[in-house]
Protein backbone atom coordinates (compact mmCIF):
# COMPACT_ATOMS: atom_id res chain seq x y z
CA UNK A 1 14.99 10.77 -29.28
CA UNK A 2 15.28 8.37 -26.29
CA UNK A 3 11.79 6.85 -26.49
CA UNK A 4 11.09 7.58 -22.83
CA UNK A 5 7.87 8.28 -21.00
CA UNK A 6 7.46 9.71 -17.52
CA UNK A 7 4.37 9.02 -15.44
CA UNK A 8 3.21 10.20 -12.03
CA UNK A 9 1.27 7.73 -9.93
CA UNK A 10 -0.25 8.57 -6.52
CA UNK A 11 0.66 5.93 -3.91
CA UNK A 12 1.66 8.03 -0.90
CA UNK A 13 2.88 5.14 1.23
CA UNK A 14 3.85 2.71 -1.58
CA UNK A 15 2.01 0.00 0.35
CA UNK A 16 -1.78 -0.04 0.57
CA UNK A 17 -3.22 2.58 2.93
CA UNK A 18 -6.35 4.54 3.80
CA UNK A 19 -4.64 7.57 2.25
CA UNK A 20 -4.58 6.18 -1.29
CA UNK A 21 -7.25 8.47 -2.71
CA UNK A 22 -5.48 11.55 -4.11
CA UNK A 23 -8.39 13.92 -3.45
CA UNK A 24 -9.83 12.43 -0.25
CA UNK A 25 -7.09 11.37 2.14
CA UNK A 26 -5.80 12.11 5.61
CA UNK A 27 -2.37 12.28 7.14
CA UNK A 28 -3.58 12.61 10.72
CA UNK A 29 -5.30 9.19 10.72
CA UNK A 30 -2.66 7.30 8.76
CA UNK A 31 -3.12 3.54 8.55
CA UNK A 32 -1.00 1.41 6.24
CA UNK A 33 -0.92 -2.25 5.33
CA UNK A 34 2.76 -3.08 5.51
CA UNK A 35 2.59 -6.40 3.70
CA UNK A 36 0.72 -5.40 0.54
CA UNK A 37 1.45 -3.40 -2.59
CA UNK A 38 -1.23 -5.26 -4.55
CA UNK A 39 -3.39 -2.19 -5.06
CA UNK A 40 -0.57 -0.23 -6.72
CA UNK A 41 2.00 -2.63 -8.15
CA UNK A 42 0.15 -3.30 -11.40
CA UNK A 43 0.61 0.40 -12.24
CA UNK A 44 4.40 0.20 -12.25
CA UNK A 45 4.90 -3.27 -13.76
CA UNK A 46 7.44 -3.12 -16.55
CA UNK A 47 8.96 0.17 -15.43
CA UNK A 48 12.72 0.42 -15.75
CA UNK A 49 13.11 3.14 -13.11
CA UNK A 50 10.95 4.00 -10.10
CA UNK A 51 11.40 7.13 -8.01
CA UNK A 52 9.73 7.26 -4.62
CA UNK A 53 8.95 10.42 -2.72
CA UNK A 54 8.66 9.44 0.93
CA UNK A 55 7.95 12.76 2.66
CA UNK A 56 4.43 11.70 3.70
CA UNK A 57 5.94 9.06 5.99
CA UNK A 58 7.72 11.74 8.04
CA UNK A 59 5.32 14.69 8.01
CA UNK A 60 3.06 14.08 11.02
CA UNK A 61 4.64 12.26 13.96
CA UNK A 62 7.29 9.61 14.58
CA UNK A 63 4.78 6.75 14.71
CA UNK A 64 2.27 5.26 12.28
CA UNK A 65 -0.53 2.74 12.64
CA UNK A 66 -0.20 -0.39 10.53
CA UNK A 67 -1.53 -3.89 10.14
CA UNK A 68 -0.87 -7.00 8.14
CA UNK A 69 2.81 -7.60 8.74
CA UNK A 70 4.44 -10.73 10.08
CA UNK A 71 2.50 -13.40 8.24
CA UNK A 72 0.00 -13.92 11.04
CA UNK A 73 -2.89 -12.97 8.77
CA UNK A 74 -4.15 -10.80 11.59
CA UNK A 75 -5.89 -7.51 10.97
CA UNK A 76 -4.73 -6.22 14.35
CA UNK A 77 -3.64 -2.61 14.17
CA UNK A 78 -0.34 -1.79 15.86
CA UNK A 79 1.58 1.43 16.32
CA UNK A 80 5.03 1.35 14.68
CA UNK A 81 7.98 3.66 14.73
CA UNK A 82 7.88 5.30 11.28
CA UNK A 83 11.46 4.30 10.46
CA UNK A 84 10.71 0.63 11.15
CA UNK A 85 7.39 0.75 9.30
CA UNK A 86 9.04 2.37 6.28
CA UNK A 87 11.72 -0.34 6.21
CA UNK A 88 9.02 -3.04 6.37
CA UNK A 89 7.08 -1.34 3.57
CA UNK A 90 10.21 -1.23 1.40
CA UNK A 91 10.79 -4.93 2.10
CA UNK A 92 7.23 -5.70 0.96
CA UNK A 93 7.71 -3.62 -2.17
CA UNK A 94 11.01 -5.32 -2.98
CA UNK A 95 9.41 -8.78 -2.84
């Protein structure tokens, strides 16, 4: 009646990460790329509504390893507070 479709897409951190494979991933060795959604964004192009489930960000410890943020082009891995990393990931997504 409303011509709606609902899809589920696995992108646990929204940004690119080493945990992107739905059947072979790890939470204990989390590493995200805070400046890139390139791997996933083509899957949600044209969507009118997106719903994010962010529990995976908070389920292990209050820090996460990340690289690629700040425009330096560096692949240096840094440890971030999860709250800050999540905000940076959302900023990348929103761009």
